Amino acid sequence: MTVDPSTTSPALGLVTIGQAPRTDLAGDVAPLLGAVRVREHGALDGDVFDGEEGARTRARLAPAPDEPPLVSRLRDGGSVVLGHEALAPRMRDAVARCEEDGAGATLLLCTGNFPPIPATRPVLYAEPLVQRGVRAVVGDAEVGVVCPLPEQADDVTRRWAALLPGRVHAAAADPYAPDAGEQVARAASHLAAGGARWLVLDCIGYTEPMRRTAARAAGRPALLARALAVRLAAEAATAVGTAGRD
């Protein structure tokens, strides 16, 4: 009997805080997944971002004055600035949709800090996956972190400095801007000039070409958040999907 591998291979849910599908992810993520299937949903899949309704949507989702902002990609290639509190119920719904589609584990595609999301199967958070992976690699070396928005730099520095033994400093480069590559190169060069021995591109929006741009501009090795998170999540989905098999 021939078994269709699409019905037996493990499935990983991917939840973006923006809208799915994340076509900007596909080329980088596919080689990391092996036989793992993907079930992709976005927290903002049901929201409208056009015209007057779009303006009202952005206002509803905006971060509170005391919240560090988040940024993510929309289906049309644009971006939106978001707050954690506004996202929370939408994230729970997107995780539930991944589980309904058969995901054995779900990865939250954001390096922001989210509270636990109720689910019936494992939910993996990109931030701890990335941070602990980086810590294992860099040791006590000085680290430069590239984040999307200048308003995030202080919070990003604080969160990374609480984990890494070496000095941490941050610089901003918007991964969704038309000149994203140039911004990444400038941020990487600035961080290297400030003493960074390693770079971390700390947003799921940064791509593999941006990693190479950062490394060339700075002359430093650069770690990519999306690659670290997806590699580890694919391993978890494989482990969950094969548990109990003969």
Protein backbone atom coordinates (compact mmCIF):
# COMPACT_ATOMS: atom_id res chain seq x y z
CA MET A 1 0.00 0.00 0.00
CA THR A 2 1.30 3.45 -0.91
CA VAL A 3 0.84 6.10 1.76
CA ASP A 4 0.47 9.74 0.76
CA PRO A 5 3.22 11.57 2.68
CA SER A 6 1.09 14.72 2.80
CA THR A 7 -1.26 12.92 5.20
CA THR A 8 1.44 11.47 7.47
CA SER A 9 4.21 14.08 7.67
CA PRO A 10 4.05 16.45 10.65
CA ALA A 11 2.39 19.83 10.32
CA LEU A 12 3.64 23.11 11.78
CA GLY A 13 1.34 26.07 12.28
CA LEU A 14 2.83 29.46 11.43
CA VAL A 15 1.04 32.47 12.93
CA THR A 16 2.08 35.92 11.79
CA ILE A 17 0.97 38.97 13.75
CA GLY A 18 0.08 40.49 10.37
CA GLN A 19 -1.73 38.83 7.49
CA ALA A 20 -1.16 35.48 5.80
CA PRO A 21 0.17 34.30 3.48
CA ARG A 22 3.62 35.71 4.22
CA THR A 23 4.99 35.40 0.70
CA ASP A 24 8.18 37.13 1.86
CA LEU A 25 8.90 34.15 4.12
CA ALA A 26 8.38 31.29 1.71
CA GLY A 27 11.77 31.24 -0.02
CA ASP A 28 13.75 31.37 3.22
CA VAL A 29 11.55 29.00 5.22
CA ALA A 30 10.95 26.16 2.76
CA PRO A 31 14.53 24.76 2.86
CA LEU A 32 14.37 24.63 6.68
CA LEU A 33 11.20 22.56 6.92
CA GLY A 34 12.16 19.25 5.33
CA ALA A 35 9.06 17.06 5.27
CA VAL A 36 7.15 19.31 7.67
CA ARG A 37 3.93 20.71 6.23
CA VAL A 38 2.81 24.28 6.97
CA ARG A 39 -0.55 25.58 8.18
CA GLU A 40 -0.36 29.38 7.98
CA HIS A 41 -2.72 31.95 9.49
CA GLY A 42 -2.45 35.63 10.40
CA ALA A 43 -3.76 37.51 13.39
CA LEU A 44 -5.08 40.23 11.08
CA ASP A 45 -6.55 38.00 8.35
CA GLY A 46 -10.07 39.26 9.09
CA ASP A 47 -9.17 42.96 9.27
CA VAL A 48 -9.51 45.55 6.51
CA PHE A 49 -6.76 48.12 5.89
CA ASP A 50 -8.19 50.07 2.94
CA GLY A 51 -9.81 53.50 2.99
CA GLU A 52 -11.61 54.94 6.00
CA GLU A 53 -12.19 51.52 7.52
CA GLY A 54 -8.48 50.86 7.23
CA ALA A 55 -7.72 54.04 9.17
CA ARG A 56 -10.10 52.94 11.91
CA THR A 57 -8.49 49.49 11.97
CA ARG A 58 -5.02 50.96 12.39
CA ALA A 59 -6.26 53.16 15.23
CA ARG A 60 -7.81 50.15 17.02
CA LEU A 61 -4.62 48.11 16.68
CA ALA A 62 -2.15 50.87 17.59
CA PRO A 63 0.02 50.38 20.67
CA ALA A 64 -1.02 52.07 23.91
CA PRO A 65 1.21 54.96 25.04
CA ASP A 66 3.14 52.70 27.44
CA GLU A 67 3.46 49.74 25.02
CA PRO A 68 6.56 49.02 22.94
CA PRO A 69 5.36 48.90 19.32
CA LEU A 70 5.30 45.90 17.02
CA VAL A 71 5.36 45.98 13.23
CA SER A 72 4.24 43.35 10.72
CA ARG A 73 3.50 42.80 7.06
CA LEU A 74 0.09 42.93 5.41
CA ARG A 75 -1.06 40.78 2.53
CA ASP A 76 -0.57 43.62 0.03
CA GLY A 77 3.08 44.08 1.06
CA GLY A 78 2.44 47.11 3.26
CA SER A 79 3.06 47.19 7.00
CA VAL A 80 1.20 48.14 10.17
CA VAL A 81 2.31 49.21 13.66
CA LEU A 82 0.60 47.21 16.41
CA GLY A 83 0.13 46.93 20.16
CA HIS A 84 0.35 43.71 22.19
CA GLU A 85 -3.00 44.15 23.92
CA ALA A 86 -4.94 44.67 20.69
CA LEU A 87 -3.28 41.64 19.14
CA ALA A 88 -3.84 39.15 21.97
CA PRO A 89 -7.36 37.92 21.07
CA ARG A 90 -6.49 37.82 17.38
CA MET A 91 -3.42 35.71 18.12
CA ARG A 92 -5.49 33.22 20.11
CA ASP A 93 -7.89 32.91 17.18
CA ALA A 94 -5.09 32.38 14.65
CA VAL A 95 -3.52 29.62 16.80
CA ALA A 96 -6.91 27.91 17.05
CA ARG A 97 -7.26 28.00 13.26
CA CYS A 98 -3.84 26.36 12.86
CA GLU A 99 -4.88 23.57 15.22
CA GLU A 100 -8.17 23.11 13.36
CA ASP A 101 -6.07 22.66 10.21
CA GLY A 102 -4.08 19.85 11.84
CA ALA A 103 -0.96 21.59 13.15
CA GLY A 104 0.82 19.46 15.73
CA ALA A 105 2.67 22.54 17.01
CA THR A 106 2.36 26.24 16.21
CA LEU A 107 5.07 28.90 15.98
CA LEU A 108 4.27 32.56 16.67
CA LEU A 109 6.18 34.44 14.00
CA CYS A 110 7.09 37.48 16.08
CA THR A 111 10.06 38.23 18.29
CA GLY A 112 7.91 40.39 20.58
CA ASN A 113 7.03 39.26 24.09
CA PHE A 114 3.58 37.63 24.32
CA PRO A 115 1.75 36.08 27.28
CA PRO A 116 0.91 32.36 27.06
CA ILE A 117 -1.77 31.53 24.50
CA PRO A 118 -4.22 28.76 25.42
CA ALA A 119 -4.02 25.83 23.01
CA THR A 120 -4.44 22.07 22.88
CA ARG A 121 -1.02 21.49 21.28
CA PRO A 122 2.41 23.05 21.80
CA VAL A 123 2.71 26.77 21.04
CA LEU A 124 6.27 27.95 20.36
CA TYR A 125 7.29 31.57 20.81
CA ALA A 126 9.88 33.00 18.43
CA GLU A 127 11.41 35.33 21.02
CA PRO A 128 12.73 32.69 23.46
CA LEU A 129 13.71 30.37 20.62
CA VAL A 130 15.78 33.11 19.01
CA GLN A 131 17.21 34.57 22.22
CA ARG A 132 18.35 31.26 23.67
CA GLY A 133 19.74 30.14 20.34
CA VAL A 134 21.75 33.35 20.07
CA ARG A 135 23.02 33.01 23.62
CA ALA A 136 24.28 29.50 22.89
CA VAL A 137 26.17 30.77 19.83
CA VAL A 138 27.68 34.09 20.90
CA GLY A 139 28.85 33.35 24.46
CA ASP A 140 29.99 36.55 26.16
CA ALA A 141 30.76 38.46 22.96
CA GLU A 142 29.29 41.93 22.40
CA VAL A 143 26.11 41.78 20.32
CA GLY A 144 24.47 44.34 18.05
CA VAL A 145 20.73 43.86 17.57
CA VAL A 146 18.91 45.22 14.52
CA CYS A 147 15.22 45.97 15.21
CA PRO A 148 12.55 47.49 12.93
CA LEU A 149 11.68 50.79 14.66
CA PRO A 150 13.74 53.39 16.55
CA GLU A 151 11.04 53.39 19.22
CA GLN A 152 11.82 49.73 19.91
CA ALA A 153 15.55 50.15 20.46
CA ASP A 154 15.51 50.78 24.22
CA ASP A 155 13.10 47.91 24.93
CA VAL A 156 15.02 45.54 22.63
CA THR A 157 18.31 46.43 24.30
CA ARG A 158 16.83 45.89 27.76
CA ARG A 159 15.35 42.47 26.91
CA TRP A 160 18.50 41.17 25.23
CA ALA A 161 20.79 42.57 27.93
CA ALA A 162 18.81 40.65 30.56
CA LEU A 163 19.77 37.40 28.80
CA LEU A 164 23.24 37.88 27.31
CA PRO A 165 26.37 38.27 29.44
CA GLY A 166 28.11 40.58 26.97
CA ARG A 167 27.27 44.19 26.13
CA VAL A 168 24.20 44.69 23.93
CA HIS A 169 23.24 47.67 21.80
CA ALA A 170 20.56 48.15 19.14
CA ALA A 171 19.94 50.06 15.92
CA ALA A 172 16.84 50.31 13.76
CA ALA A 173 16.20 49.25 10.16
CA ASP A 174 12.65 48.83 8.80
CA PRO A 175 12.49 45.44 7.01
CA TYR A 176 9.32 46.48 5.16
CA ALA A 177 10.60 49.79 3.78
CA PRO A 178 11.45 50.18 0.07
CA ASP A 179 15.07 50.87 1.06
CA ALA A 180 15.22 48.08 3.65
CA GLY A 181 18.55 46.75 2.40
CA GLU A 182 20.21 50.15 2.70
CA GLN A 183 18.76 50.63 6.20
CA VAL A 184 20.03 47.22 7.29
CA ALA A 185 23.51 47.96 5.94
CA ARG A 186 23.65 51.29 7.81
CA ALA A 187 22.43 49.76 11.07
CA ALA A 188 24.87 46.86 10.82
CA SER A 189 27.81 49.15 10.08
CA HIS A 190 26.87 51.39 13.01
CA LEU A 191 26.66 48.44 15.41
CA ALA A 192 29.99 47.01 14.26
CA ALA A 193 31.65 50.41 14.66
CA GLY A 194 30.29 50.48 18.21
CA GLY A 195 32.02 47.22 19.08
CA ALA A 196 29.54 44.47 18.18
CA ARG A 197 31.20 41.14 17.37
CA TRP A 198 27.93 39.46 16.36
CA LEU A 199 24.78 40.87 14.77
CA VAL A 200 21.22 39.67 15.32
CA LEU A 201 18.45 40.62 12.89
CA ASP A 202 15.68 40.58 15.49
CA CYS A 203 12.46 40.55 13.47
CA ILE A 204 10.76 37.87 11.39
CA GLY A 205 10.58 40.43 8.58
CA TYR A 206 14.33 40.38 7.97
CA THR A 207 15.23 38.10 5.09
CA GLU A 208 18.18 35.93 4.11
CA PRO A 209 19.40 38.56 1.58
CA MET A 210 19.23 41.15 4.39
CA ARG A 211 21.34 38.88 6.57
CA ARG A 212 24.00 38.75 3.83
CA THR A 213 23.78 42.53 3.38
CA ALA A 214 24.31 43.07 7.12
CA ALA A 215 27.26 40.69 7.26
CA ARG A 216 28.97 42.29 4.25
CA ALA A 217 28.41 45.84 5.47
CA ALA A 218 29.66 45.15 9.00
CA GLY A 219 32.22 42.42 8.40
CA ARG A 220 30.54 40.51 11.22
CA PRO A 221 28.56 37.25 11.39
CA ALA A 222 24.80 37.90 11.41
CA LEU A 223 22.14 35.66 12.94
CA LEU A 224 18.65 35.71 11.42
CA ALA A 225 15.60 35.49 13.67
CA ARG A 226 13.34 33.74 11.14
CA ALA A 227 15.91 31.04 10.45
CA LEU A 228 16.60 30.29 14.12
CA ALA A 229 12.90 30.17 15.05
CA VAL A 230 11.75 28.07 12.10
CA ARG A 231 14.61 25.55 12.37
CA LEU A 232 13.78 24.84 16.01
CA ALA A 233 10.02 24.86 15.46
CA ALA A 234 10.31 22.38 12.59
CA GLU A 235 12.25 20.07 14.89
CA ALA A 236 9.53 20.36 17.54
CA ALA A 237 6.77 19.68 15.00
CA THR A 238 8.64 16.62 13.76
CA ALA A 239 9.06 15.34 17.32
CA VAL A 240 5.38 15.83 18.12
CA GLY A 241 4.26 14.38 14.80
CA THR A 242 6.33 11.20 15.14
CA ALA A 243 5.67 10.51 18.84
CA GLY A 244 4.11 7.12 19.33
CA ARG A 245 4.68 5.89 15.77
CA ASP A 246 6.08 2.44 15.12
